[in-house]
PDB file of N, CA and C in Angstrom:
ATOM      1  N   MET A   1     150.843 209.471   6.972  1.00  0.00           N
ATOM      2  CA  MET A   1     149.603 208.404   6.294  1.00  0.00           C
ATOM      3  C   MET A   1     148.512 209.159   5.299  1.00  0.00           C
ATOM      4  N   THR A   2     148.326 209.708   5.458  1.00  0.00           N
ATOM      5  CA  THR A   2     146.723 210.560   5.196  1.00  0.00           C
ATOM      6  C   THR A   2     147.422 210.788   3.934  1.00  0.00           C
ATOM      7  N   ARG A   3     148.930 211.379   3.072  1.00  0.00           N
ATOM      8  CA  ARG A   3     149.226 211.360   2.020  1.00  0.00           C
ATOM      9  C   ARG A   3     149.521 210.661   1.205  1.00  0.00           C
ATOM     10  N   ILE A   4     150.460 209.750   1.384  1.00  0.00           N
ATOM     11  CA  ILE A   4     150.051 207.581   1.700  1.00  0.00           C
ATOM     12  C   ILE A   4     148.608 207.726   0.495  1.00  0.00           C
ATOM     13  N   ALA A   5     147.667 207.961   1.603  1.00  0.00           N
ATOM     14  CA  ALA A   5     146.757 206.881   1.312  1.00  0.00           C
ATOM     15  C   ALA A   5     146.119 208.452   0.233  1.00  0.00           C
ATOM     16  N   THR A   6     145.605 209.454   0.251  1.00  0.00           N
ATOM     17  CA  THR A   6     145.487 210.336  -0.677  1.00  0.00           C
ATOM     18  C   THR A   6     146.054 210.080  -2.124  1.00  0.00           C
ATOM     19  N   ALA A   7     147.453 209.594  -2.067  1.00  0.00           N
ATOM     20  CA  ALA A   7     148.376 209.086  -3.129  1.00  0.00           C
ATOM     21  C   ALA A   7     147.663 207.828  -3.715  1.00  0.00           C
ATOM     22  N   SER A   8     147.221 207.184  -2.846  1.00  0.00           N
ATOM     23  CA  SER A   8     146.927 205.562  -3.859  1.00  0.00           C
ATOM     24  C   SER A   8     145.872 206.050  -4.361  1.00  0.00           C
ATOM     25  N   LEU A   9     144.762 206.278  -3.426  1.00  0.00           N
ATOM     26  CA  LEU A   9     142.990 206.970  -4.155  1.00  0.00           C
ATOM     27  C   LEU A   9     143.257 207.387  -5.763  1.00  0.00           C
ATOM     28  N   LEU A  10     144.342 208.554  -5.905  1.00  0.00           N
ATOM     29  CA  LEU A  10     144.544 208.899  -6.750  1.00  0.00           C
ATOM     30  C   LEU A  10     145.287 208.136  -7.761  1.00  0.00           C
ATOM     31  N   ALA A  11     145.868 207.264  -7.515  1.00  0.00           N
ATOM     32  CA  ALA A  11     147.396 206.837  -8.176  1.00  0.00           C
ATOM     33  C   ALA A  11     145.384 206.193  -9.403  1.00  0.00           C
ATOM     34  N   LEU A  12     144.462 205.124  -7.965  1.00  0.00           N
ATOM     35  CA  LEU A  12     144.084 203.858  -8.406  1.00  0.00           C
ATOM     36  C   LEU A  12     142.349 205.183  -9.136  1.00  0.00           C
ATOM     37  N   ARG A  13     142.147 206.076  -9.113  1.00  0.00           N
ATOM     38  CA  ARG A  13     141.674 206.880  -9.710  1.00  0.00           C
ATOM     39  C   ARG A  13     141.722 207.167 -11.470  1.00  0.00           C
ATOM     40  N   LEU A  14     143.334 207.883 -11.490  1.00  0.00           N
ATOM     41  CA  LEU A  14     143.724 207.561 -12.965  1.00  0.00           C
ATOM     42  C   LEU A  14     143.659 206.073 -13.325  1.00  0.00           C
ATOM     43  N   ALA A  15     143.928 204.996 -13.196  1.00  0.00           N
ATOM     44  CA  ALA A  15     144.446 203.789 -13.951  1.00  0.00           C
ATOM     45  C   ALA A  15     143.033 203.113 -13.462  1.00  0.00           C
ATOM     46  N   VAL A  16     142.112 203.399 -13.128  1.00  0.00           N
ATOM     47  CA  VAL A  16     141.126 202.850 -13.120  1.00  0.00           C
ATOM     48  C   VAL A  16     139.887 203.505 -13.979  1.00  0.00           C
ATOM     49  N   PRO A  17     139.117 203.309 -15.071  1.00  0.00           N
ATOM     50  CA  PRO A  17     138.027 204.039 -15.574  1.00  0.00           C
ATOM     51  C   PRO A  17     136.600 204.633 -14.784  1.00  0.00           C
ATOM     52  N   ALA A  18     136.192 205.754 -14.750  1.00  0.00           N
ATOM     53  CA  ALA A  18     134.776 206.198 -14.440  1.00  0.00           C
ATOM     54  C   ALA A  18     133.669 205.032 -14.643  1.00  0.00           C
ATOM     55  N   THR A  19     133.800 205.246 -16.030  1.00  0.00           N
ATOM     56  CA  THR A  19     132.786 204.631 -16.459  1.00  0.00           C
ATOM     57  C   THR A  19     132.985 203.617 -17.743  1.00  0.00           C
ATOM     58  N   ALA A  20     132.592 203.029 -18.228  1.00  0.00           N
ATOM     59  CA  ALA A  20     132.095 201.537 -19.504  1.00  0.00           C
ATOM     60  C   ALA A  20     132.874 202.622 -20.699  1.00  0.00           C
ATOM     61  N   ALA A  21     132.382 203.730 -20.924  1.00  0.00           N
ATOM     62  CA  ALA A  21     132.551 204.461 -21.545  1.00  0.00           C
ATOM     63  C   ALA A  21     134.138 204.985 -22.049  1.00  0.00           C
ATOM     64  N   GLU A  22     134.724 205.306 -20.765  1.00  0.00           N
ATOM     65  CA  GLU A  22     136.196 205.061 -21.517  1.00  0.00           C
ATOM     66  C   GLU A  22     137.207 203.644 -20.900  1.00  0.00           C
ATOM     67  N   MET A  23     136.558 202.580 -21.153  1.00  0.00           N
ATOM     68  CA  MET A  23     137.217 201.902 -20.615  1.00  0.00           C
ATOM     69  C   MET A  23     138.216 201.478 -22.085  1.00  0.00           C
ATOM     70  N   PRO A  24     139.278 201.077 -22.697  1.00  0.00           N
ATOM     71  CA  PRO A  24     140.195 200.831 -23.938  1.00  0.00           C
ATOM     72  C   PRO A  24     138.956 199.751 -24.199  1.00  0.00           C
ATOM     73  N   PRO A  25     138.714 199.106 -25.749  1.00  0.00           N
ATOM     74  CA  PRO A  25     138.011 197.953 -26.536  1.00  0.00           C
ATOM     75  C   PRO A  25     138.645 196.735 -26.420  1.00  0.00           C
ATOM     76  N   ASN A  26     140.140 196.568 -25.391  1.00  0.00           N
ATOM     77  CA  ASN A  26     140.425 195.590 -25.700  1.00  0.00           C
ATOM     78  C   ASN A  26     139.967 194.817 -23.796  1.00  0.00           C
ATOM     79  N   MET A  27     139.152 195.451 -23.012  1.00  0.00           N
ATOM     80  CA  MET A  27     139.552 195.144 -21.950  1.00  0.00           C
ATOM     81  C   MET A  27     137.519 194.790 -21.179  1.00  0.00           C
ATOM     82  N   THR A  28     136.889 193.970 -20.669  1.00  0.00           N
ATOM     83  CA  THR A  28     136.007 193.668 -20.398  1.00  0.00           C
ATOM     84  C   THR A  28     135.868 193.870 -19.057  1.00  0.00           C
ATOM     85  N   THR A  29     134.585 194.776 -19.686  1.00  0.00           N
ATOM     86  CA  THR A  29     133.856 194.670 -18.415  1.00  0.00           C
ATOM     87  C   THR A  29     132.890 193.935 -17.395  1.00  0.00           C
ATOM     88  N   TYR A  30     132.714 194.082 -16.618  1.00  0.00           N
ATOM     89  CA  TYR A  30     132.013 193.297 -15.156  1.00  0.00           C
ATOM     90  C   TYR A  30     131.248 193.954 -14.745  1.00  0.00           C
ATOM     91  N   PHE A  31     129.886 193.131 -13.894  1.00  0.00           N
ATOM     92  CA  PHE A  31     128.517 193.331 -13.090  1.00  0.00           C
ATOM     93  C   PHE A  31     128.516 193.350 -12.456  1.00  0.00           C
ATOM     94  N   PHE A  32     128.706 193.919 -10.575  1.00  0.00           N
ATOM     95  CA  PHE A  32     128.612 193.527  -9.646  1.00  0.00           C
ATOM     96  C   PHE A  32     127.333 192.904  -9.680  1.00  0.00           C
ATOM     97  N   GLY A  33     126.681 191.534  -9.226  1.00  0.00           N
ATOM     98  CA  GLY A  33     125.595 191.703  -8.959  1.00  0.00           C
ATOM     99  C   GLY A  33     124.861 191.205  -7.472  1.00  0.00           C
ATOM    100  N   VAL A  34     124.477 192.204  -6.667  1.00  0.00           N
ATOM    101  CA  VAL A  34     123.698 191.529  -5.061  1.00  0.00           C
ATOM    102  C   VAL A  34     122.102 190.887  -4.737  1.00  0.00           C
ATOM    103  N   LEU A  35     121.734 189.771  -4.694  1.00  0.00           N
ATOM    104  CA  LEU A  35     120.220 189.271  -4.623  1.00  0.00           C
ATOM    105  C   LEU A  35     120.803 189.409  -3.079  1.00  0.00           C
ATOM    106  N   MET A  36     119.399 190.027  -3.200  1.00  0.00           N
ATOM    107  CA  MET A  36     118.595 190.195  -2.078  1.00  0.00           C
ATOM    108  C   MET A  36     117.328 189.381  -1.594  1.00  0.00           C
ATOM    109  N   LYS A  37     117.033 189.994  -0.397  1.00  0.00           N
ATOM    110  CA  LYS A  37     115.773 189.213   0.274  1.00  0.00           C
ATOM    111  C   LYS A  37     113.924 189.888  -0.836  1.00  0.00           C
ATOM    112  N   GLY A  38     113.935 188.987  -2.108  1.00  0.00           N
ATOM    113  CA  GLY A  38     113.065 189.710  -2.460  1.00  0.00           C
ATOM    114  C   GLY A  38     111.055 189.808  -1.584  1.00  0.00           C
ATOM    115  N   PRO A  39     110.061 190.396  -2.164  1.00  0.00           N
ATOM    116  CA  PRO A  39     108.687 190.677  -1.438  1.00  0.00           C
ATOM    117  C   PRO A  39     108.339 189.424  -0.923  1.00  0.00           C
ATOM    118  N   ARG A  40     108.825 188.449  -1.321  1.00  0.00           N
ATOM    119  CA  ARG A  40     107.408 187.330  -1.640  1.00  0.00           C
ATOM    120  C   ARG A  40     108.711 186.350  -0.645  1.00  0.00           C
ATOM    121  N   TRP A  41     109.970 187.135  -0.240  1.00  0.00           N
ATOM    122  CA  TRP A  41     110.717 185.676   0.635  1.00  0.00           C
ATOM    123  C   TRP A  41     110.090 185.027   1.579  1.00  0.00           C
ATOM    124  N   SER A  42     110.650 183.870   1.626  1.00  0.00           N
ATOM    125  CA  SER A  42     110.549 182.822   3.144  1.00  0.00           C
ATOM    126  C   SER A  42     110.718 182.063   3.315  1.00  0.00           C
ATOM    127  N   ALA A  43     111.381 181.888   4.624  1.00  0.00           N
ATOM    128  CA  ALA A  43     112.352 180.423   5.278  1.00  0.00           C
ATOM    129  C   ALA A  43     111.975 179.625   4.987  1.00  0.00           C
ATOM    130  N   LYS A  44     110.681 180.064   5.260  1.00  0.00           N
ATOM    131  CA  LYS A  44     109.849 178.538   5.083  1.00  0.00           C
ATOM    132  C   LYS A  44     109.812 177.206   4.125  1.00  0.00           C
ATOM    133  N   ASP A  45     110.071 175.570   4.471  1.00  0.00           N
ATOM    134  CA  ASP A  45     110.584 175.098   3.557  1.00  0.00           C
ATOM    135  C   ASP A  45     109.089 174.580   2.894  1.00  0.00           C
ATOM    136  N   THR A  46     108.887 174.820   1.740  1.00  0.00           N
ATOM    137  CA  THR A  46     107.612 173.927   1.372  1.00  0.00           C
ATOM    138  C   THR A  46     108.251 173.840   0.111  1.00  0.00           C
ATOM    139  N   PRO A  47     107.343 173.079  -0.665  1.00  0.00           N
ATOM    140  CA  PRO A  47     107.900 172.661  -1.797  1.00  0.00           C
ATOM    141  C   PRO A  47     107.479 173.545  -3.255  1.00  0.00           C
ATOM    142  N   GLU A  48     106.851 174.012  -2.980  1.00  0.00           N
ATOM    143  CA  GLU A  48     107.426 175.822  -4.348  1.00  0.00           C
ATOM    144  C   GLU A  48     108.357 176.219  -3.814  1.00  0.00           C
ATOM    145  N   ARG A  49     108.675 176.361  -2.171  1.00  0.00           N
ATOM    146  CA  ARG A  49     109.757 176.726  -2.050  1.00  0.00           C
ATOM    147  C   ARG A  49     111.489 176.219  -2.849  1.00  0.00           C
ATOM    148  N   THR A  50     111.421 174.668  -3.078  1.00  0.00           N
ATOM    149  CA  THR A  50     111.864 173.931  -3.098  1.00  0.00           C
ATOM    150  C   THR A  50     112.111 174.144  -4.695  1.00  0.00           C
ATOM    151  N   ALA A  51     111.044 174.284  -5.575  1.00  0.00           N
ATOM    152  CA  ALA A  51     111.107 174.027  -6.806  1.00  0.00           C
ATOM    153  C   ALA A  51     111.309 175.560  -7.813  1.00  0.00           C
ATOM    154  N   ILE A  52     111.955 176.459  -6.551  1.00  0.00           N
ATOM    155  CA  ILE A  52     112.030 178.144  -7.090  1.00  0.00           C
ATOM    156  C   ILE A  52     113.028 177.780  -7.267  1.00  0.00           C
ATOM    157  N   GLN A  53     113.962 177.072  -5.941  1.00  0.00           N
ATOM    158  CA  GLN A  53     115.682 177.347  -5.548  1.00  0.00           C
ATOM    159  C   GLN A  53     115.902 176.470  -6.744  1.00  0.00           C
ATOM    160  N   ASP A  54     115.354 175.521  -6.506  1.00  0.00           N
ATOM    161  CA  ASP A  54     116.639 174.423  -7.650  1.00  0.00           C
ATOM    162  C   ASP A  54     116.128 174.995  -9.621  1.00  0.00           C
ATOM    163  N   GLY A  55     115.409 176.110 -10.042  1.00  0.00           N
ATOM    164  CA  GLY A  55     115.203 176.922 -10.916  1.00  0.00           C
ATOM    165  C   GLY A  55     116.388 177.120 -11.027  1.00  0.00           C
ATOM    166  N   HIS A  56     116.292 178.125  -9.618  1.00  0.00           N
ATOM    167  CA  HIS A  56     117.476 179.037  -9.398  1.00  0.00           C
ATOM    168  C   HIS A  56     118.820 178.607  -9.110  1.00  0.00           C
ATOM    169  N   MET A  57     118.683 177.709  -9.992  1.00  0.00           N
ATOM    170  CA  MET A  57     120.072 177.173  -9.186  1.00  0.00           C
ATOM    171  C   MET A  57     120.433 176.717 -10.562  1.00  0.00           C
ATOM    172  N   ALA A  58     119.093 176.037 -10.870  1.00  0.00           N
ATOM    173  CA  ALA A  58     119.977 175.890 -12.598  1.00  0.00           C
ATOM    174  C   ALA A  58     120.060 176.419 -13.473  1.00  0.00           C
ATOM    175  N   HIS A  59     119.448 178.389 -13.302  1.00  0.00           N
ATOM    176  CA  HIS A  59     119.580 179.351 -13.910  1.00  0.00           C
ATOM    177  C   HIS A  59     121.492 179.117 -14.377  1.00  0.00           C
ATOM    178  N   ILE A  60     121.923 179.457 -12.440  1.00  0.00           N
ATOM    179  CA  ILE A  60     123.458 179.832 -12.598  1.00  0.00           C
ATOM    180  C   ILE A  60     123.521 178.862 -12.716  1.00  0.00           C
ATOM    181  N   GLN A  61     123.364 177.969 -13.318  1.00  0.00           N
ATOM    182  CA  GLN A  61     124.458 176.945 -13.499  1.00  0.00           C
ATOM    183  C   GLN A  61     124.964 177.240 -16.042  1.00  0.00           C
ATOM    184  N   ALA A  62     122.985 177.054 -15.958  1.00  0.00           N
ATOM    185  CA  ALA A  62     122.688 177.385 -17.175  1.00  0.00           C
ATOM    186  C   ALA A  62     123.617 179.037 -17.887  1.00  0.00           C
ATOM    187  N   MET A  63     124.021 180.097 -16.204  1.00  0.00           N
ATOM    188  CA  MET A  63     124.656 180.776 -16.643  1.00  0.00           C
ATOM    189  C   MET A  63     126.296 181.157 -17.116  1.00  0.00           C
ATOM    190  N   TRP A  64     126.086 180.374 -16.171  1.00  0.00           N
ATOM    191  CA  TRP A  64     127.972 180.088 -16.024  1.00  0.00           C
ATOM    192  C   TRP A  64     128.387 179.178 -17.215  1.00  0.00           C
ATOM    193  N   LYS A  65     127.504 177.160 -17.797  1.00  0.00           N
ATOM    194  CA  LYS A  65     127.922 177.478 -18.921  1.00  0.00           C
ATOM    195  C   LYS A  65     128.183 178.094 -20.197  1.00  0.00           C
ATOM    196  N   ALA A  66     127.041 178.966 -20.270  1.00  0.00           N
ATOM    197  CA  ALA A  66     127.312 180.357 -20.870  1.00  0.00           C
ATOM    198  C   ALA A  66     128.415 181.044 -21.865  1.00  0.00           C
ATOM    199  N   GLY A  67     129.067 181.285 -20.131  1.00  0.00           N
ATOM    200  CA  GLY A  67     130.527 182.170 -19.723  1.00  0.00           C
ATOM    201  C   GLY A  67     129.934 183.670 -19.382  1.00  0.00           C
ATOM    202  N   LYS A  68     128.477 183.533 -18.937  1.00  0.00           N
ATOM    203  CA  LYS A  68     127.707 184.926 -18.005  1.00  0.00           C
ATOM    204  C   LYS A  68     128.153 184.974 -17.609  1.00  0.00           C
ATOM    205  N   LEU A  69     128.799 184.423 -16.313  1.00  0.00           N
ATOM    206  CA  LEU A  69     128.743 184.766 -14.790  1.00  0.00           C
ATOM    207  C   LEU A  69     129.908 183.946 -14.705  1.00  0.00           C
ATOM    208  N   VAL A  70     130.575 185.190 -13.814  1.00  0.00           N
ATOM    209  CA  VAL A  70     132.159 184.448 -13.753  1.00  0.00           C
ATOM    210  C   VAL A  70     132.255 183.198 -12.560  1.00  0.00           C
ATOM    211  N   LEU A  71     131.476 184.947 -11.373  1.00  0.00           N
ATOM    212  CA  LEU A  71     130.860 183.943  -9.719  1.00  0.00           C
ATOM    213  C   LEU A  71     130.403 184.002  -9.264  1.00  0.00           C
ATOM    214  N   ALA A  72     129.762 183.495  -8.565  1.00  0.00           N
ATOM    215  CA  ALA A  72     127.593 183.254  -7.845  1.00  0.00           C
ATOM    216  C   ALA A  72     128.287 182.784  -6.562  1.00  0.00           C
ATOM    217  N   GLY A  73     128.245 183.074  -5.785  1.00  0.00           N
ATOM    218  CA  GLY A  73     127.940 182.392  -4.219  1.00  0.00           C
ATOM    219  C   GLY A  73     126.746 182.961  -3.636  1.00  0.00           C
ATOM    220  N   PRO A  74     126.330 181.894  -2.304  1.00  0.00           N
ATOM    221  CA  PRO A  74     125.165 182.017  -1.467  1.00  0.00           C
ATOM    222  C   PRO A  74     125.545 183.191  -0.490  1.00  0.00           C
ATOM    223  N   LEU A  75     125.899 184.613   0.248  1.00  0.00           N
ATOM    224  CA  LEU A  75     126.053 184.899   1.582  1.00  0.00           C
ATOM    225  C   LEU A  75     125.597 183.903   2.756  1.00  0.00           C
ATOM    226  N   ALA A  76     126.319 183.478   3.945  1.00  0.00           N
ATOM    227  CA  ALA A  76     126.088 182.626   4.750  1.00  0.00           C
ATOM    228  C   ALA A  76     125.969 183.787   6.497  1.00  0.00           C
ATOM    229  N   ASP A  77     125.554 184.441   5.730  1.00  0.00           N
ATOM    230  CA  ASP A  77     125.117 185.834   7.676  1.00  0.00           C
ATOM    231  C   ASP A  77     123.592 185.490   7.742  1.00  0.00           C
ATOM    232  N   ASP A  78     122.743 185.568   7.055  1.00  0.00           N
ATOM    233  CA  ASP A  78     121.733 185.245   6.897  1.00  0.00           C
ATOM    234  C   ASP A  78     120.462 186.154   7.216  1.00  0.00           C
ATOM    235  N   GLY A  79     121.442 187.775   6.156  1.00  0.00           N
ATOM    236  CA  GLY A  79     120.663 188.752   6.355  1.00  0.00           C
ATOM    237  C   GLY A  79     119.789 189.335   4.975  1.00  0.00           C
ATOM    238  N   GLU A  80     120.383 190.681   5.009  1.00  0.00           N
ATOM    239  CA  GLU A  80     119.135 190.764   3.458  1.00  0.00           C
ATOM    240  C   GLU A  80     119.621 190.377   2.528  1.00  0.00           C
ATOM    241  N   TRP A  81     120.725 190.881   2.025  1.00  0.00           N
ATOM    242  CA  TRP A  81     121.825 190.415   1.593  1.00  0.00           C
ATOM    243  C   TRP A  81     121.851 188.463   1.534  1.00  0.00           C
ATOM    244  N   ARG A  82     120.952 187.845   0.031  1.00  0.00           N
ATOM    245  CA  ARG A  82     121.688 186.630   0.315  1.00  0.00           C
ATOM    246  C   ARG A  82     122.925 185.782  -0.823  1.00  0.00           C
ATOM    247  N   GLY A  83     123.132 186.815  -1.657  1.00  0.00           N
ATOM    248  CA  GLY A  83     124.179 186.376  -2.739  1.00  0.00           C
ATOM    249  C   GLY A  83     124.296 186.950  -3.019  1.00  0.00           C
ATOM    250  N   VAL A  84     125.864 186.633  -3.937  1.00  0.00           N
ATOM    251  CA  VAL A  84     126.890 187.489  -5.819  1.00  0.00           C
ATOM    252  C   VAL A  84     126.415 186.642  -6.388  1.00  0.00           C
ATOM    253  N   LEU A  85     127.149 187.517  -7.596  1.00  0.00           N
ATOM    254  CA  LEU A  85     126.573 187.615  -9.178  1.00  0.00           C
ATOM    255  C   LEU A  85     127.840 187.923  -9.372  1.00  0.00           C
ATOM    256  N   ILE A  86     128.907 188.124 -10.307  1.00  0.00           N
ATOM    257  CA  ILE A  86     129.718 188.945 -10.793  1.00  0.00           C
ATOM    258  C   ILE A  86     129.584 188.444 -12.843  1.00  0.00           C
ATOM    259  N   TYR A  87     128.701 189.678 -13.162  1.00  0.00           N
ATOM    260  CA  TYR A  87     128.570 189.173 -14.370  1.00  0.00           C
ATOM    261  C   TYR A  87     130.016 189.495 -15.782  1.00  0.00           C
ATOM    262  N   ARG A  88     129.667 188.929 -16.704  1.00  0.00           N
ATOM    263  CA  ARG A  88     130.440 188.960 -17.818  1.00  0.00           C
ATOM    264  C   ARG A  88     129.548 188.718 -18.736  1.00  0.00           C
ATOM    265  N   THR A  89     129.182 190.084 -18.754  1.00  0.00           N
ATOM    266  CA  THR A  89     127.898 190.529 -20.094  1.00  0.00           C
ATOM    267  C   THR A  89     128.135 191.784 -21.118  1.00  0.00           C
ATOM    268  N   LYS A  90     128.284 191.778 -22.462  1.00  0.00           N
ATOM    269  CA  LYS A  90     128.492 193.537 -22.889  1.00  0.00           C
ATOM    270  C   LYS A  90     128.033 194.967 -22.566  1.00  0.00           C
ATOM    271  N   THR A  91     126.881 194.420 -21.650  1.00  0.00           N
ATOM    272  CA  THR A  91     126.200 195.931 -21.276  1.00  0.00           C
ATOM    273  C   THR A  91     125.067 195.187 -19.347  1.00  0.00           C
ATOM    274  N   ILE A  92     124.829 196.456 -19.102  1.00  0.00           N
ATOM    275  CA  ILE A  92     124.396 195.573 -17.763  1.00  0.00           C
ATOM    276  C   ILE A  92     122.506 195.605 -17.929  1.00  0.00           C
ATOM    277  N   GLU A  93     121.861 196.102 -19.330  1.00  0.00           N
ATOM    278  CA  GLU A  93     120.895 195.571 -19.711  1.00  0.00           C
ATOM    279  C   GLU A  93     121.218 194.272 -20.054  1.00  0.00           C
ATOM    280  N   GLU A  94     122.104 193.320 -20.691  1.00  0.00           N
ATOM    281  CA  GLU A  94     121.959 191.993 -20.354  1.00  0.00           C
ATOM    282  C   GLU A  94     122.110 191.309 -19.231  1.00  0.00           C
ATOM    283  N   ALA A  95     122.846 191.865 -17.924  1.00  0.00           N
ATOM    284  CA  ALA A  95     122.951 191.374 -16.894  1.00  0.00           C
ATOM    285  C   ALA A  95     121.524 191.320 -16.461  1.00  0.00           C
ATOM    286  N   GLN A  96     121.261 192.808 -16.365  1.00  0.00           N
ATOM    287  CA  GLN A  96     119.570 192.632 -16.048  1.00  0.00           C
ATOM    288  C   GLN A  96     118.639 191.602 -16.227  1.00  0.00           C
ATOM    289  N   ARG A  97     118.649 190.942 -17.778  1.00  0.00           N
ATOM    290  CA  ARG A  97     117.871 190.661 -18.654  1.00  0.00           C
ATOM    291  C   ARG A  97     118.040 189.021 -17.950  1.00  0.00           C
ATOM    292  N   LEU A  98     119.765 188.594 -17.672  1.00  0.00           N
ATOM    293  CA  LEU A  98     120.037 187.908 -16.897  1.00  0.00           C
ATOM    294  C   LEU A  98     119.217 186.978 -15.486  1.00  0.00           C
ATOM    295  N   ALA A  99     119.251 188.589 -15.084  1.00  0.00           N
ATOM    296  CA  ALA A  99     118.846 188.745 -13.080  1.00  0.00           C
ATOM    297  C   ALA A  99     117.279 188.585 -13.468  1.00  0.00           C
ATOM    298  N   SER A 100     116.621 189.218 -14.260  1.00  0.00           N
ATOM    299  CA  SER A 100     115.211 188.605 -14.254  1.00  0.00           C
ATOM    300  C   SER A 100     114.399 187.689 -15.077  1.00  0.00           C
ATOM    301  N   ASP A 101     115.630 186.851 -15.501  1.00  0.00           N
ATOM    302  CA  ASP A 101     115.481 185.422 -15.771  1.00  0.00           C
ATOM    303  C   ASP A 101     114.910 184.398 -14.527  1.00  0.00           C
ATOM    304  N   ASP A 102     115.507 184.648 -14.209  1.00  0.00           N
ATOM    305  CA  ASP A 102     115.784 184.050 -12.679  1.00  0.00           C
ATOM    306  C   ASP A 102     114.257 183.489 -11.715  1.00  0.00           C
ATOM    307  N   PRO A 103     114.612 181.922 -11.786  1.00  0.00           N
ATOM    308  CA  PRO A 103     112.531 182.107 -11.622  1.00  0.00           C
ATOM    309  C   PRO A 103     112.732 182.519  -9.888  1.00  0.00           C
ATOM    310  N   ALA A 104     113.211 182.403  -9.508  1.00  0.00           N
ATOM    311  CA  ALA A 104     113.647 183.351  -7.293  1.00  0.00           C
ATOM    312  C   ALA A 104     113.819 185.159  -7.928  1.00  0.00           C
ATOM    313  N   VAL A 105     113.645 185.359  -9.377  1.00  0.00           N
ATOM    314  CA  VAL A 105     113.585 187.359  -9.003  1.00  0.00           C
ATOM    315  C   VAL A 105     111.961 186.951  -9.696  1.00  0.00           C
ATOM    316  N   LYS A 106     112.111 186.560 -10.838  1.00  0.00           N
ATOM    317  CA  LYS A 106     110.508 185.442 -11.245  1.00  0.00           C
ATOM    318  C   LYS A 106     109.757 185.663 -10.626  1.00  0.00           C
ATOM    319  N   ALA A 107     109.848 184.991  -8.822  1.00  0.00           N
ATOM    320  CA  ALA A 107     108.582 184.481  -8.322  1.00  0.00           C
ATOM    321  C   ALA A 107     108.418 185.461  -7.148  1.00  0.00           C
ATOM    322  N   GLY A 108     109.558 186.727  -6.957  1.00  0.00           N
ATOM    323  CA  GLY A 108     109.805 187.299  -5.950  1.00  0.00           C
ATOM    324  C   GLY A 108     110.427 187.326  -4.281  1.00  0.00           C
ATOM    325  N   ARG A 109     111.129 185.756  -4.817  1.00  0.00           N
ATOM    326  CA  ARG A 109     111.714 185.549  -3.464  1.00  0.00           C
ATOM    327  C   ARG A 109     113.099 186.215  -2.984  1.00  0.00           C
ATOM    328  N   LEU A 110     113.760 186.522  -4.745  1.00  0.00           N
ATOM    329  CA  LEU A 110     114.795 187.558  -4.433  1.00  0.00           C
ATOM    330  C   LEU A 110     114.768 188.954  -5.076  1.00  0.00           C
ATOM    331  N   VAL A 111     115.479 189.911  -5.583  1.00  0.00           N
ATOM    332  CA  VAL A 111     115.969 191.038  -6.161  1.00  0.00           C
ATOM    333  C   VAL A 111     117.102 190.558  -6.869  1.00  0.00           C
ATOM    334  N   VAL A 112     117.631 191.779  -7.802  1.00  0.00           N
ATOM    335  CA  VAL A 112     118.864 191.786  -7.618  1.00  0.00           C
ATOM    336  C   VAL A 112     119.570 193.122  -8.494  1.00  0.00           C
ATOM    337  N   THR A 113     121.074 193.325  -7.978  1.00  0.00           N
ATOM    338  CA  THR A 113     120.127 195.237  -7.722  1.00  0.00           C
ATOM    339  C   THR A 113     122.064 194.264  -8.361  1.00  0.00           C
ATOM    340  N   ARG A 114     122.334 195.920  -9.569  1.00  0.00           N
ATOM    341  CA  ARG A 114     123.337 195.626 -10.555  1.00  0.00           C
ATOM    342  C   ARG A 114     124.429 197.025 -10.270  1.00  0.00           C
ATOM    343  N   HIS A 115     125.456 197.160 -10.174  1.00  0.00           N
ATOM    344  CA  HIS A 115     126.543 197.236 -11.264  1.00  0.00           C
ATOM    345  C   HIS A 115     127.489 197.921 -11.753  1.00  0.00           C
ATOM    346  N   PRO A 116     128.111 198.343 -12.840  1.00  0.00           N
ATOM    347  CA  PRO A 116     129.598 198.090 -13.023  1.00  0.00           C
ATOM    348  C   PRO A 116     130.473 198.612 -12.600  1.00  0.00           C
TER     349      PRO A 116
END
């Protein structure tokens, strides 16, 4: 079983480039984002929180309509990780800019980590 697992991992490594620089030009790069509780996170229901959440959802819809977001959704376990995003952008810097433009990130309720 160990040989099969090792061979599978090696085959996967050979099939999947390690960096975007190694990607063939006809392939699309995606960036995985994790929404996490930010320094100003609060579960308390307030008008300010509602307005921030409405802005957050409008931002997600705008990214979706622009073709920059492939997937977004909340995590239901009420942990530190609040949701996931998959960005379709040319660079991680563009994904960073989109994440930073989120009203919930601007307000400090959420932070986003990005991974190629």
